[in-house]
Amino acid sequence: PKRKTQYLISGSSDLTLKIWAIPPTNLSTKASMSVKWGVKAHDKEINSIAVSPDDRIIATASQDKLIKLWEFPTSQTSNLEITQKATFSGHKRGVWCVQFS
């Protein structure tokens, strides 16, 4: 099922993963977004973020040579809690891209 609220996901050189709520609006209105959840996700800059086709998993890739998987809650609650589910290591240098098939 589609979520009632739409989100934007960002990663940054400040090492954080953030989830922003996109307010319902039309294109003629300037929208203001607020951070709904954030966490220090990596020890170095985040280079890439991907969202799984079912919108349940977020993948992040970083200069810290790691890929991490985060689970997006499936319920439509107002309490947005993203949990880290896995860490993949093995790259000898920073990871520049991550993508779901």
PDB file of N, CA and C in Angstrom:
ATOM      1  N   PRO A   1       0.824  -1.205   0.000  1.00  0.00           N
ATOM      2  CA  PRO A   1       0.000   0.000   0.000  1.00  0.00           C
ATOM      3  C   PRO A   1       0.859   1.256   0.000  1.00  0.00           C
ATOM      4  N   LYS A   2       0.402   2.257  -0.702  1.00  0.00           N
ATOM      5  CA  LYS A   2       1.112   3.531  -0.759  1.00  0.00           C
ATOM      6  C   LYS A   2       0.989   4.255   0.578  1.00  0.00           C
ATOM      7  N   ARG A   3       2.019   4.987   0.919  1.00  0.00           N
ATOM      8  CA  ARG A   3       2.021   5.778   2.149  1.00  0.00           C
ATOM      9  C   ARG A   3       1.152   7.017   1.972  1.00  0.00           C
ATOM     10  N   LYS A   4       0.512   7.433   3.052  1.00  0.00           N
ATOM     11  CA  LYS A   4      -0.284   8.657   3.014  1.00  0.00           C
ATOM     12  C   LYS A   4       0.622   9.869   2.907  1.00  0.00           C
ATOM     13  N   THR A   5       1.763   9.807   3.575  1.00  0.00           N
ATOM     14  CA  THR A   5       2.727  10.896   3.535  1.00  0.00           C
ATOM     15  C   THR A   5       3.846  10.517   2.589  1.00  0.00           C
ATOM     16  N   GLN A   6       4.282  11.455   1.774  1.00  0.00           N
ATOM     17  CA  GLN A   6       5.420  11.221   0.902  1.00  0.00           C
ATOM     18  C   GLN A   6       6.664  11.800   1.555  1.00  0.00           C
ATOM     19  N   TYR A   7       7.808  11.144   1.297  1.00  0.00           N
ATOM     20  CA  TYR A   7       9.052  11.537   1.934  1.00  0.00           C
ATOM     21  C   TYR A   7      10.148  11.767   0.912  1.00  0.00           C
ATOM     22  N   LEU A   8      11.098  12.611   1.296  1.00  0.00           N
ATOM     23  CA  LEU A   8      12.335  12.812   0.567  1.00  0.00           C
ATOM     24  C   LEU A   8      13.445  12.320   1.482  1.00  0.00           C
ATOM     25  N   ILE A   9      14.403  11.603   0.933  1.00  0.00           N
ATOM     26  CA  ILE A   9      15.507  11.061   1.723  1.00  0.00           C
ATOM     27  C   ILE A   9      16.789  11.712   1.253  1.00  0.00           C
ATOM     28  N   SER A  10      17.603  12.177   2.201  1.00  0.00           N
ATOM     29  CA  SER A  10      18.860  12.824   1.837  1.00  0.00           C
ATOM     30  C   SER A  10      20.012  12.272   2.664  1.00  0.00           C
ATOM     31  N   GLY A  11      21.193  12.331   2.068  1.00  0.00           N
ATOM     32  CA  GLY A  11      22.431  11.989   2.749  1.00  0.00           C
ATOM     33  C   GLY A  11      23.426  13.075   2.433  1.00  0.00           C
ATOM     34  N   SER A  12      24.408  13.268   3.318  1.00  0.00           N
ATOM     35  CA  SER A  12      25.229  14.450   3.174  1.00  0.00           C
ATOM     36  C   SER A  12      26.667  14.225   3.615  1.00  0.00           C
ATOM     37  N   SER A  13      27.491  15.223   3.320  1.00  0.00           N
ATOM     38  CA  SER A  13      28.861  15.201   3.805  1.00  0.00           C
ATOM     39  C   SER A  13      28.910  15.453   5.311  1.00  0.00           C
ATOM     40  N   ASP A  14      27.768  15.802   5.916  1.00  0.00           N
ATOM     41  CA  ASP A  14      27.725  15.924   7.378  1.00  0.00           C
ATOM     42  C   ASP A  14      27.488  14.569   8.045  1.00  0.00           C
ATOM     43  N   LEU A  15      27.534  13.488   7.246  1.00  0.00           N
ATOM     44  CA  LEU A  15      27.463  12.086   7.697  1.00  0.00           C
ATOM     45  C   LEU A  15      26.058  11.625   8.057  1.00  0.00           C
ATOM     46  N   THR A  16      25.057  12.460   7.834  1.00  0.00           N
ATOM     47  CA  THR A  16      23.708  12.118   8.280  1.00  0.00           C
ATOM     48  C   THR A  16      22.803  11.630   7.151  1.00  0.00           C
ATOM     49  N   LEU A  17      21.877  10.774   7.548  1.00  0.00           N
ATOM     50  CA  LEU A  17      20.765  10.334   6.717  1.00  0.00           C
ATOM     51  C   LEU A  17      19.541  11.031   7.297  1.00  0.00           C
ATOM     52  N   LYS A  18      18.770  11.719   6.438  1.00  0.00           N
ATOM     53  CA  LYS A  18      17.594  12.437   6.916  1.00  0.00           C
ATOM     54  C   LYS A  18      16.376  12.082   6.087  1.00  0.00           C
ATOM     55  N   ILE A  19      15.237  12.059   6.762  1.00  0.00           N
ATOM     56  CA  ILE A  19      13.949  11.815   6.129  1.00  0.00           C
ATOM     57  C   ILE A  19      13.128  13.094   6.296  1.00  0.00           C
ATOM     58  N   TRP A  20      12.665  13.620   5.174  1.00  0.00           N
ATOM     59  CA  TRP A  20      11.886  14.856   5.153  1.00  0.00           C
ATOM     60  C   TRP A  20      10.465  14.538   4.718  1.00  0.00           C
ATOM     61  N   ALA A  21       9.480  15.082   5.386  1.00  0.00           N
ATOM     62  CA  ALA A  21       8.080  14.918   4.965  1.00  0.00           C
ATOM     63  C   ALA A  21       7.782  15.952   3.892  1.00  0.00           C
ATOM     64  N   ILE A  22       7.202  15.508   2.799  1.00  0.00           N
ATOM     65  CA  ILE A  22       6.810  16.408   1.716  1.00  0.00           C
ATOM     66  C   ILE A  22       5.342  16.747   1.929  1.00  0.00           C
ATOM     67  N   PRO A  23       5.059  18.019   2.193  1.00  0.00           N
ATOM     68  CA  PRO A  23       3.660  18.378   2.432  1.00  0.00           C
ATOM     69  C   PRO A  23       2.851  18.319   1.141  1.00  0.00           C
ATOM     70  N   PRO A  24       1.570  17.996   1.265  1.00  0.00           N
ATOM     71  CA  PRO A  24       0.728  18.030   0.069  1.00  0.00           C
ATOM     72  C   PRO A  24       0.646  19.472  -0.438  1.00  0.00           C
ATOM     73  N   THR A  25       0.935  19.653  -1.689  1.00  0.00           N
ATOM     74  CA  THR A  25       0.940  20.997  -2.258  1.00  0.00           C
ATOM     75  C   THR A  25       0.793  20.890  -3.763  1.00  0.00           C
ATOM     76  N   ASN A  26       0.532  21.991  -4.396  1.00  0.00           N
ATOM     77  CA  ASN A  26       0.548  21.999  -5.849  1.00  0.00           C
ATOM     78  C   ASN A  26       1.800  22.751  -6.296  1.00  0.00           C
ATOM     79  N   LEU A  27       2.123  22.682  -7.557  1.00  0.00           N
ATOM     80  CA  LEU A  27       3.369  23.257  -8.057  1.00  0.00           C
ATOM     81  C   LEU A  27       3.404  24.779  -7.999  1.00  0.00           C
ATOM     82  N   SER A  28       2.272  25.417  -7.837  1.00  0.00           N
ATOM     83  CA  SER A  28       2.263  26.877  -7.782  1.00  0.00           C
ATOM     84  C   SER A  28       2.510  27.405  -6.367  1.00  0.00           C
ATOM     85  N   THR A  29       2.624  26.496  -5.401  1.00  0.00           N
ATOM     86  CA  THR A  29       2.845  26.880  -4.013  1.00  0.00           C
ATOM     87  C   THR A  29       4.255  26.501  -3.591  1.00  0.00           C
ATOM     88  N   LYS A  30       4.936  27.416  -2.933  1.00  0.00           N
ATOM     89  CA  LYS A  30       6.266  27.122  -2.407  1.00  0.00           C
ATOM     90  C   LYS A  30       6.109  26.249  -1.168  1.00  0.00           C
ATOM     91  N   ALA A  31       6.694  25.065  -1.202  1.00  0.00           N
ATOM     92  CA  ALA A  31       6.552  24.109  -0.103  1.00  0.00           C
ATOM     93  C   ALA A  31       7.680  24.293   0.907  1.00  0.00           C
ATOM     94  N   SER A  32       7.358  24.048   2.151  1.00  0.00           N
ATOM     95  CA  SER A  32       8.352  24.054   3.215  1.00  0.00           C
ATOM     96  C   SER A  32       8.391  22.654   3.812  1.00  0.00           C
ATOM     97  N   MET A  33       9.583  22.087   3.882  1.00  0.00           N
ATOM     98  CA  MET A  33       9.713  20.718   4.389  1.00  0.00           C
ATOM     99  C   MET A  33      10.418  20.744   5.735  1.00  0.00           C
ATOM    100  N   SER A  34      10.098  19.738   6.552  1.00  0.00           N
ATOM    101  CA  SER A  34      10.756  19.623   7.850  1.00  0.00           C
ATOM    102  C   SER A  34      11.338  18.220   7.993  1.00  0.00           C
ATOM    103  N   VAL A  35      12.435  18.122   8.719  1.00  0.00           N
ATOM    104  CA  VAL A  35      13.069  16.823   8.960  1.00  0.00           C
ATOM    105  C   VAL A  35      12.207  16.052   9.955  1.00  0.00           C
ATOM    106  N   LYS A  36      11.838  14.832   9.581  1.00  0.00           N
ATOM    107  CA  LYS A  36      11.036  13.982  10.458  1.00  0.00           C
ATOM    108  C   LYS A  36      11.897  12.981  11.217  1.00  0.00           C
ATOM    109  N   TRP A  37      13.080  12.695  10.664  1.00  0.00           N
ATOM    110  CA  TRP A  37      13.978  11.726  11.305  1.00  0.00           C
ATOM    111  C   TRP A  37      15.370  11.940  10.760  1.00  0.00           C
ATOM    112  N   GLY A  38      16.381  11.777  11.598  1.00  0.00           N
ATOM    113  CA  GLY A  38      17.752  11.898  11.146  1.00  0.00           C
ATOM    114  C   GLY A  38      18.685  11.114  12.058  1.00  0.00           C
ATOM    115  N   VAL A  39      19.805  10.690  11.499  1.00  0.00           N
ATOM    116  CA  VAL A  39      20.781   9.931  12.280  1.00  0.00           C
ATOM    117  C   VAL A  39      22.157  10.083  11.645  1.00  0.00           C
ATOM    118  N   LYS A  40      23.192  10.047  12.460  1.00  0.00           N
ATOM    119  CA  LYS A  40      24.548   9.944  11.926  1.00  0.00           C
ATOM    120  C   LYS A  40      24.666   8.518  11.396  1.00  0.00           C
ATOM    121  N   ALA A  41      24.710   8.389  10.087  1.00  0.00           N
ATOM    122  CA  ALA A  41      24.610   7.079   9.450  1.00  0.00           C
ATOM    123  C   ALA A  41      25.969   6.461   9.126  1.00  0.00           C
ATOM    124  N   HIS A  42      26.976   7.285   8.888  1.00  0.00           N
ATOM    125  CA  HIS A  42      28.302   6.797   8.490  1.00  0.00           C
ATOM    126  C   HIS A  42      29.382   7.618   9.175  1.00  0.00           C
ATOM    127  N   ASP A  43      30.614   7.137   9.074  1.00  0.00           N
ATOM    128  CA  ASP A  43      31.757   7.848   9.652  1.00  0.00           C
ATOM    129  C   ASP A  43      32.433   8.787   8.661  1.00  0.00           C
ATOM    130  N   LYS A  44      32.042   8.692   7.395  1.00  0.00           N
ATOM    131  CA  LYS A  44      32.523   9.614   6.366  1.00  0.00           C
ATOM    132  C   LYS A  44      31.336   9.986   5.485  1.00  0.00           C
ATOM    133  N   GLU A  45      31.569  10.846   4.497  1.00  0.00           N
ATOM    134  CA  GLU A  45      30.502  11.376   3.660  1.00  0.00           C
ATOM    135  C   GLU A  45      29.648  10.277   3.023  1.00  0.00           C
ATOM    136  N   ILE A  46      28.350  10.550   2.926  1.00  0.00           N
ATOM    137  CA  ILE A  46      27.424   9.656   2.228  1.00  0.00           C
ATOM    138  C   ILE A  46      27.430  10.058   0.760  1.00  0.00           C
ATOM    139  N   ASN A  47      27.724   9.091  -0.116  1.00  0.00           N
ATOM    140  CA  ASN A  47      27.832   9.349  -1.549  1.00  0.00           C
ATOM    141  C   ASN A  47      26.581   8.985  -2.334  1.00  0.00           C
ATOM    142  N   SER A  48      25.815   8.021  -1.829  1.00  0.00           N
ATOM    143  CA  SER A  48      24.697   7.518  -2.617  1.00  0.00           C
ATOM    144  C   SER A  48      23.612   6.984  -1.697  1.00  0.00           C
ATOM    145  N   ILE A  49      22.373   7.148  -2.144  1.00  0.00           N
ATOM    146  CA  ILE A  49      21.208   6.598  -1.448  1.00  0.00           C
ATOM    147  C   ILE A  49      20.308   5.962  -2.492  1.00  0.00           C
ATOM    148  N   ALA A  50      19.735   4.825  -2.145  1.00  0.00           N
ATOM    149  CA  ALA A  50      18.744   4.183  -3.014  1.00  0.00           C
ATOM    150  C   ALA A  50      17.592   3.689  -2.148  1.00  0.00           C
ATOM    151  N   VAL A  51      16.402   3.709  -2.723  1.00  0.00           N
ATOM    152  CA  VAL A  51      15.210   3.210  -2.045  1.00  0.00           C
ATOM    153  C   VAL A  51      14.718   1.993  -2.818  1.00  0.00           C
ATOM    154  N   SER A  52      14.409   0.916  -2.097  1.00  0.00           N
ATOM    155  CA  SER A  52      13.949  -0.314  -2.754  1.00  0.00           C
ATOM    156  C   SER A  52      12.627  -0.070  -3.470  1.00  0.00           C
ATOM    157  N   PRO A  53      12.334  -0.876  -4.483  1.00  0.00           N
ATOM    158  CA  PRO A  53      11.090  -0.685  -5.249  1.00  0.00           C
ATOM    159  C   PRO A  53       9.817  -0.726  -4.401  1.00  0.00           C
ATOM    160  N   ASP A  54       9.845  -1.446  -3.271  1.00  0.00           N
ATOM    161  CA  ASP A  54       8.656  -1.500  -2.415  1.00  0.00           C
ATOM    162  C   ASP A  54       8.662  -0.430  -1.320  1.00  0.00           C
ATOM    163  N   ASP A  55       9.632   0.487  -1.367  1.00  0.00           N
ATOM    164  CA  ASP A  55       9.752   1.607  -0.417  1.00  0.00           C
ATOM    165  C   ASP A  55      10.025   1.178   1.023  1.00  0.00           C
ATOM    166  N   ARG A  56      10.479  -0.034   1.245  1.00  0.00           N
ATOM    167  CA  ARG A  56      10.685  -0.514   2.614  1.00  0.00           C
ATOM    168  C   ARG A  56      12.136  -0.464   3.071  1.00  0.00           C
ATOM    169  N   ILE A  57      13.089  -0.455   2.138  1.00  0.00           N
ATOM    170  CA  ILE A  57      14.505  -0.494   2.491  1.00  0.00           C
ATOM    171  C   ILE A  57      15.213   0.706   1.855  1.00  0.00           C
ATOM    172  N   ILE A  58      16.069   1.339   2.639  1.00  0.00           N
ATOM    173  CA  ILE A  58      16.924   2.415   2.165  1.00  0.00           C
ATOM    174  C   ILE A  58      18.351   1.906   2.215  1.00  0.00           C
ATOM    175  N   ALA A  59      19.106   2.088   1.157  1.00  0.00           N
ATOM    176  CA  ALA A  59      20.522   1.718   1.131  1.00  0.00           C
ATOM    177  C   ALA A  59      21.347   2.992   1.068  1.00  0.00           C
ATOM    178  N   THR A  60      22.429   3.033   1.857  1.00  0.00           N
ATOM    179  CA  THR A  60      23.343   4.168   1.812  1.00  0.00           C
ATOM    180  C   THR A  60      24.746   3.660   1.518  1.00  0.00           C
ATOM    181  N   ALA A  61      25.511   4.438   0.761  1.00  0.00           N
ATOM    182  CA  ALA A  61      26.899   4.116   0.433  1.00  0.00           C
ATOM    183  C   ALA A  61      27.760   5.306   0.816  1.00  0.00           C
ATOM    184  N   SER A  62      28.966   5.016   1.326  1.00  0.00           N
ATOM    185  CA  SER A  62      29.758   6.087   1.908  1.00  0.00           C
ATOM    186  C   SER A  62      31.238   5.979   1.594  1.00  0.00           C
ATOM    187  N   GLN A  63      31.928   7.095   1.841  1.00  0.00           N
ATOM    188  CA  GLN A  63      33.385   7.128   1.750  1.00  0.00           C
ATOM    189  C   GLN A  63      34.027   6.272   2.831  1.00  0.00           C
ATOM    190  N   ASP A  64      33.270   5.850   3.844  1.00  0.00           N
ATOM    191  CA  ASP A  64      33.823   4.991   4.893  1.00  0.00           C
ATOM    192  C   ASP A  64      33.941   3.528   4.456  1.00  0.00           C
ATOM    193  N   LYS A  65      33.712   3.268   3.148  1.00  0.00           N
ATOM    194  CA  LYS A  65      33.852   1.945   2.519  1.00  0.00           C
ATOM    195  C   LYS A  65      32.703   0.993   2.858  1.00  0.00           C
ATOM    196  N   LEU A  66      31.628   1.519   3.419  1.00  0.00           N
ATOM    197  CA  LEU A  66      30.513   0.680   3.849  1.00  0.00           C
ATOM    198  C   LEU A  66      29.234   0.984   3.079  1.00  0.00           C
ATOM    199  N   ILE A  67      28.400  -0.042   2.980  1.00  0.00           N
ATOM    200  CA  ILE A  67      27.024   0.079   2.509  1.00  0.00           C
ATOM    201  C   ILE A  67      26.151  -0.348   3.683  1.00  0.00           C
ATOM    202  N   LYS A  68      25.124   0.434   3.963  1.00  0.00           N
ATOM    203  CA  LYS A  68      24.221   0.092   5.056  1.00  0.00           C
ATOM    204  C   LYS A  68      22.794   0.035   4.537  1.00  0.00           C
ATOM    205  N   LEU A  69      22.021  -0.899   5.123  1.00  0.00           N
ATOM    206  CA  LEU A  69      20.599  -1.022   4.812  1.00  0.00           C
ATOM    207  C   LEU A  69      19.793  -0.568   6.017  1.00  0.00           C
ATOM    208  N   TRP A  70      18.765   0.198   5.737  1.00  0.00           N
ATOM    209  CA  TRP A  70      17.893   0.760   6.754  1.00  0.00           C
ATOM    210  C   TRP A  70      16.463   0.361   6.433  1.00  0.00           C
ATOM    211  N   GLU A  71      15.698  -0.015   7.449  1.00  0.00           N
ATOM    212  CA  GLU A  71      14.306  -0.400   7.238  1.00  0.00           C
ATOM    213  C   GLU A  71      13.385   0.773   7.537  1.00  0.00           C
ATOM    214  N   PHE A  72      12.543   1.079   6.558  1.00  0.00           N
ATOM    215  CA  PHE A  72      11.541   2.129   6.685  1.00  0.00           C
ATOM    216  C   PHE A  72      10.302   1.479   7.285  1.00  0.00           C
ATOM    217  N   PRO A  73       9.647   2.083   8.273  1.00  0.00           N
ATOM    218  CA  PRO A  73       8.479   1.441   8.890  1.00  0.00           C
ATOM    219  C   PRO A  73       7.350   1.239   7.884  1.00  0.00           C
ATOM    220  N   THR A  74       6.659   0.121   8.035  1.00  0.00           N
ATOM    221  CA  THR A  74       5.560  -0.188   7.122  1.00  0.00           C
ATOM    222  C   THR A  74       4.235   0.388   7.591  1.00  0.00           C
ATOM    223  N   SER A  75       4.123   0.681   8.879  1.00  0.00           N
ATOM    224  CA  SER A  75       2.859   1.222   9.389  1.00  0.00           C
ATOM    225  C   SER A  75       2.769   2.716   9.093  1.00  0.00           C
ATOM    226  N   GLN A  76       1.585   3.222   9.119  1.00  0.00           N
ATOM    227  CA  GLN A  76       1.328   4.635   8.830  1.00  0.00           C
ATOM    228  C   GLN A  76       1.287   5.461  10.118  1.00  0.00           C
ATOM    229  N   THR A  77       2.120   5.130  11.085  1.00  0.00           N
ATOM    230  CA  THR A  77       2.107   5.864  12.345  1.00  0.00           C
ATOM    231  C   THR A  77       2.828   7.192  12.187  1.00  0.00           C
ATOM    232  N   SER A  78       2.583   8.090  13.104  1.00  0.00           N
ATOM    233  CA  SER A  78       3.261   9.380  13.071  1.00  0.00           C
ATOM    234  C   SER A  78       4.681   9.263  13.625  1.00  0.00           C
ATOM    235  N   ASN A  79       4.975   8.173  14.339  1.00  0.00           N
ATOM    236  CA  ASN A  79       6.301   7.959  14.893  1.00  0.00           C
ATOM    237  C   ASN A  79       7.184   7.278  13.848  1.00  0.00           C
ATOM    238  N   LEU A  80       8.018   8.065  13.204  1.00  0.00           N
ATOM    239  CA  LEU A  80       8.861   7.571  12.126  1.00  0.00           C
ATOM    240  C   LEU A  80      10.184   7.082  12.707  1.00  0.00           C
ATOM    241  N   GLU A  81      10.377   5.786  12.762  1.00  0.00           N
ATOM    242  CA  GLU A  81      11.622   5.213  13.269  1.00  0.00           C
ATOM    243  C   GLU A  81      12.247   4.342  12.192  1.00  0.00           C
ATOM    244  N   ILE A  82      13.407   4.752  11.727  1.00  0.00           N
ATOM    245  CA  ILE A  82      14.159   3.990  10.736  1.00  0.00           C
ATOM    246  C   ILE A  82      15.187   3.173  11.509  1.00  0.00           C
ATOM    247  N   THR A  83      15.321   1.892  11.196  1.00  0.00           N
ATOM    248  CA  THR A  83      16.288   1.056  11.915  1.00  0.00           C
ATOM    249  C   THR A  83      17.322   0.501  10.952  1.00  0.00           C
ATOM    250  N   GLN A  84      18.565   0.490  11.397  1.00  0.00           N
ATOM    251  CA  GLN A  84      19.634  -0.092  10.587  1.00  0.00           C
ATOM    252  C   GLN A  84      19.511  -1.609  10.653  1.00  0.00           C
ATOM    253  N   LYS A  85      19.528  -2.263   9.499  1.00  0.00           N
ATOM    254  CA  LYS A  85      19.340  -3.706   9.427  1.00  0.00           C
ATOM    255  C   LYS A  85      20.588  -4.472   9.025  1.00  0.00           C
ATOM    256  N   ALA A  86      21.493  -3.828   8.279  1.00  0.00           N
ATOM    257  CA  ALA A  86      22.678  -4.558   7.817  1.00  0.00           C
ATOM    258  C   ALA A  86      23.787  -3.588   7.446  1.00  0.00           C
ATOM    259  N   THR A  87      25.019  -4.081   7.558  1.00  0.00           N
ATOM    260  CA  THR A  87      26.196  -3.345   7.108  1.00  0.00           C
ATOM    261  C   THR A  87      27.009  -4.276   6.218  1.00  0.00           C
ATOM    262  N   PHE A  88      27.383  -3.786   5.046  1.00  0.00           N
ATOM    263  CA  PHE A  88      28.188  -4.554   4.106  1.00  0.00           C
ATOM    264  C   PHE A  88      29.563  -3.914   4.007  1.00  0.00           C
ATOM    265  N   SER A  89      30.593  -4.716   4.216  1.00  0.00           N
ATOM    266  CA  SER A  89      31.959  -4.210   4.108  1.00  0.00           C
ATOM    267  C   SER A  89      32.713  -5.049   3.082  1.00  0.00           C
ATOM    268  N   GLY A  90      33.862  -4.546   2.638  1.00  0.00           N
ATOM    269  CA  GLY A  90      34.654  -5.298   1.681  1.00  0.00           C
ATOM    270  C   GLY A  90      35.279  -4.434   0.606  1.00  0.00           C
ATOM    271  N   HIS A  91      34.778  -3.222   0.456  1.00  0.00           N
ATOM    272  CA  HIS A  91      35.396  -2.308  -0.506  1.00  0.00           C
ATOM    273  C   HIS A  91      36.697  -1.761   0.064  1.00  0.00           C
ATOM    274  N   LYS A  92      37.661  -1.532  -0.797  1.00  0.00           N
ATOM    275  CA  LYS A  92      38.954  -1.004  -0.347  1.00  0.00           C
ATOM    276  C   LYS A  92      38.991   0.518  -0.361  1.00  0.00           C
ATOM    277  N   ARG A  93      38.010   1.109  -1.002  1.00  0.00           N
ATOM    278  CA  ARG A  93      37.884   2.565  -1.051  1.00  0.00           C
ATOM    279  C   ARG A  93      36.422   2.939  -0.869  1.00  0.00           C
ATOM    280  N   GLY A  94      36.161   4.239  -0.840  1.00  0.00           N
ATOM    281  CA  GLY A  94      34.786   4.688  -0.655  1.00  0.00           C
ATOM    282  C   GLY A  94      33.847   4.139  -1.707  1.00  0.00           C
ATOM    283  N   VAL A  95      32.608   3.947  -1.315  1.00  0.00           N
ATOM    284  CA  VAL A  95      31.576   3.427  -2.216  1.00  0.00           C
ATOM    285  C   VAL A  95      30.821   4.614  -2.799  1.00  0.00           C
ATOM    286  N   TRP A  96      30.774   4.692  -4.132  1.00  0.00           N
ATOM    287  CA  TRP A  96      30.188   5.846  -4.808  1.00  0.00           C
ATOM    288  C   TRP A  96      28.755   5.673  -5.246  1.00  0.00           C
ATOM    289  N   CYS A  97      28.303   4.426  -5.367  1.00  0.00           N
ATOM    290  CA  CYS A  97      26.939   4.231  -5.867  1.00  0.00           C
ATOM    291  C   CYS A  97      26.351   2.955  -5.280  1.00  0.00           C
ATOM    292  N   VAL A  98      25.083   3.011  -4.991  1.00  0.00           N
ATOM    293  CA  VAL A  98      24.329   1.843  -4.555  1.00  0.00           C
ATOM    294  C   VAL A  98      22.975   1.902  -5.262  1.00  0.00           C
ATOM    295  N   GLN A  99      22.491   0.713  -5.675  1.00  0.00           N
ATOM    296  CA  GLN A  99      21.239   0.680  -6.433  1.00  0.00           C
ATOM    297  C   GLN A  99      20.564  -0.667  -6.243  1.00  0.00           C
ATOM    298  N   PHE A 100      19.241  -0.666  -6.202  1.00  0.00           N
ATOM    299  CA  PHE A 100      18.473  -1.898  -6.145  1.00  0.00           C
ATOM    300  C   PHE A 100      18.141  -2.350  -7.557  1.00  0.00           C
ATOM    301  N   SER A 101      18.017  -3.666  -7.740  1.00  0.00           N
ATOM    302  CA  SER A 101      17.637  -4.175  -9.067  1.00  0.00           C
ATOM    303  C   SER A 101      16.130  -4.287  -9.154  1.00  0.00           C
TER     304      SER A 101
END
